Amino acid sequence: MRLGFAAGATLLVDAGQHAYNASVCRLAGMNFVVFMVAGEH
């Protein structure tokens, strides 16, 4: 029972980290695009 809980928690943390990384990358990409566009004008 405890092992299943640990595995589930690990998967949850892993999924959360992937989602966090994806959102951070998306945010950084958007900021980069805005910076590039603003820099050209």
Protein backbone atom coordinates (compact mmCIF):
# COMPACT_ATOMS: atom_id res chain seq x y z
CA MET A 1 0.00 0.00 0.00
CA ARG A 2 2.76 2.42 0.97
CA LEU A 3 4.74 1.50 -2.15
CA GLY A 4 1.75 2.28 -4.36
CA PHE A 5 1.31 5.64 -2.67
CA ALA A 6 5.00 6.45 -3.15
CA ALA A 7 4.82 5.50 -6.83
CA GLY A 8 1.68 7.60 -7.32
CA ALA A 9 3.25 10.59 -5.55
CA THR A 10 6.39 10.24 -7.67
CA LEU A 11 4.34 10.16 -10.88
CA LEU A 12 2.33 13.17 -9.72
CA VAL A 13 5.47 15.17 -8.91
CA ASP A 14 7.04 14.12 -12.22
CA ALA A 15 3.95 15.19 -14.18
CA GLY A 16 3.81 18.46 -12.25
CA GLN A 17 7.45 19.16 -13.02
CA HIS A 18 6.91 18.47 -16.72
CA ALA A 19 3.91 20.83 -16.76
CA TYR A 20 5.90 23.47 -14.88
CA ASN A 21 8.84 23.17 -17.28
CA ALA A 22 6.51 23.39 -20.28
CA SER A 23 4.78 26.52 -18.96
CA VAL A 24 8.13 28.14 -18.11
CA CYS A 25 9.47 27.38 -21.59
CA ARG A 26 6.30 28.73 -23.20
CA LEU A 27 6.46 31.89 -21.10
CA ALA A 28 10.15 32.38 -21.91
CA GLY A 29 9.44 31.83 -25.61
CA MET A 30 6.64 34.40 -25.60
CA ASN A 31 8.82 36.93 -23.79
CA PHE A 32 11.61 36.29 -26.28
CA VAL A 33 9.28 36.85 -29.26
CA VAL A 34 7.90 40.06 -27.72
CA PHE A 35 11.45 41.23 -27.03
CA MET A 36 12.52 40.51 -30.63
CA VAL A 37 9.48 42.30 -32.11
CA ALA A 38 9.86 45.28 -29.76
CA GLY A 39 13.58 45.48 -30.53
CA GLU A 40 12.98 45.74 -34.27
CA HIS A 41 10.72 48.80 -34.03
